[in-house]
Amino acid sequence: MDEARHTLSEDDATYVRRSLIKYWTDRRREQDAEDLAQEGLLQCLKKIDKYKGRVGYEGRKATLRTFLVTVGINRGKDILKKERRRSGESSLDDAGVE
């Protein structure tokens, strides 16, 4: 069985970048939003071949964009967790992360 190779179109990259910036801005991370979005987009490029379009909630298939935004958000959360550990913050809530 051949696995489909996915590529990140310019439209998808723009959508993911804007979604990530909005996500971080909405969580009071305005100063970090651009950097977190950039790191998230780089992670998306690394992980795009992991997309399998699995059936998820209520039997719906996750779209490529949903998958990529989730990958990007998770990358940002990982970065903030590392920063929090370095700085000694007590919780992710304090850092604006859910």
Protein backbone atom coordinates (compact mmCIF):
# COMPACT_ATOMS: atom_id res chain seq x y z
CA MET A 1 0.00 0.00 0.00
CA ASP A 2 1.47 3.36 -1.04
CA GLU A 3 1.23 6.14 1.49
CA ALA A 4 0.19 9.48 0.08
CA ARG A 5 2.88 12.15 0.29
CA HIS A 6 1.47 15.39 1.55
CA THR A 7 2.84 18.78 0.71
CA LEU A 8 2.17 22.10 2.36
CA SER A 9 0.61 24.47 -0.15
CA GLU A 10 1.07 28.20 0.17
CA ASP A 11 -2.64 28.54 1.06
CA ASP A 12 -2.36 25.90 3.79
CA ALA A 13 0.82 27.48 5.18
CA THR A 14 -0.84 30.90 5.31
CA TYR A 15 -3.93 29.44 6.98
CA VAL A 16 -1.87 27.57 9.58
CA ARG A 17 0.35 30.60 10.31
CA ARG A 18 -2.64 32.90 10.79
CA SER A 19 -4.42 30.33 12.95
CA LEU A 20 -1.36 29.92 15.16
CA ILE A 21 -0.87 33.67 15.55
CA LYS A 22 -4.53 34.05 16.51
CA TYR A 23 -4.29 31.13 18.95
CA TRP A 24 -1.30 32.63 20.79
CA THR A 25 -2.61 36.19 20.66
CA ASP A 26 -5.92 35.03 22.18
CA ARG A 27 -3.92 33.46 25.02
CA ARG A 28 -2.16 36.71 25.93
CA ARG A 29 1.09 35.75 24.21
CA GLU A 30 1.10 38.71 21.77
CA GLN A 31 4.85 39.26 22.06
CA ASP A 32 5.58 35.61 21.34
CA ALA A 33 2.83 34.93 18.77
CA GLU A 34 4.97 35.41 15.65
CA ASP A 35 7.87 33.33 16.98
CA LEU A 36 5.59 30.54 18.23
CA ALA A 37 3.74 30.51 14.90
CA GLN A 38 7.04 30.30 13.00
CA GLU A 39 8.27 27.43 15.17
CA GLY A 40 4.88 25.72 14.77
CA LEU A 41 5.03 26.06 11.00
CA LEU A 42 8.51 24.53 10.92
CA GLN A 43 7.23 21.60 12.99
CA CYS A 44 4.36 21.20 10.51
CA LEU A 45 6.85 20.80 7.68
CA LYS A 46 8.59 18.05 9.65
CA LYS A 47 5.37 16.24 10.56
CA ILE A 48 3.22 16.62 7.44
CA ASP A 49 3.95 13.06 6.31
CA LYS A 50 2.49 11.77 9.58
CA TYR A 51 -0.99 12.92 8.50
CA LYS A 52 -3.20 9.93 7.86
CA GLY A 53 -6.63 11.56 7.91
CA ARG A 54 -7.71 9.40 10.81
CA VAL A 55 -11.33 9.24 11.76
CA GLY A 56 -11.81 11.10 15.01
CA TYR A 57 -14.62 12.67 16.97
CA GLU A 58 -18.08 11.57 15.81
CA GLY A 59 -16.54 9.61 12.94
CA ARG A 60 -15.30 12.71 11.14
CA LYS A 61 -11.99 12.69 9.34
CA ALA A 62 -9.51 15.33 10.49
CA THR A 63 -8.55 17.71 7.72
CA LEU A 64 -4.93 18.33 6.87
CA ARG A 65 -5.27 21.90 8.13
CA THR A 66 -6.71 20.75 11.46
CA PHE A 67 -3.84 18.31 11.84
CA LEU A 68 -1.25 20.98 11.02
CA VAL A 69 -2.72 23.59 13.37
CA THR A 70 -2.75 21.01 16.17
CA VAL A 71 0.90 20.13 15.45
CA GLY A 72 1.79 23.83 15.51
CA ILE A 73 -0.06 24.50 18.77
CA ASN A 74 1.58 21.52 20.44
CA ARG A 75 5.01 22.74 19.35
CA GLY A 76 4.32 26.14 20.88
CA LYS A 77 3.15 24.56 24.12
CA ASP A 78 6.34 22.50 24.26
CA ILE A 79 8.45 25.63 23.82
CA LEU A 80 6.55 27.45 26.57
CA LYS A 81 6.86 24.48 28.92
CA LYS A 82 10.63 24.50 28.45
CA GLU A 83 10.76 28.26 29.08
CA ARG A 84 8.60 27.87 32.18
CA ARG A 85 10.89 25.18 33.57
CA ARG A 86 13.91 27.38 32.96
CA SER A 87 12.34 30.44 34.56
CA GLY A 88 10.63 28.58 37.41
CA GLU A 89 7.04 29.68 36.67
CA SER A 90 4.53 27.71 38.70
CA SER A 91 2.00 26.75 36.01
CA LEU A 92 1.20 26.95 32.33
CA ASP A 93 -1.87 29.04 33.20
CA ASP A 94 0.52 31.75 34.39
CA ALA A 95 2.24 31.56 31.02
CA GLY A 96 -1.01 31.89 29.08
CA VAL A 97 -1.16 28.23 28.00
CA GLU A 98 -4.12 25.94 28.42
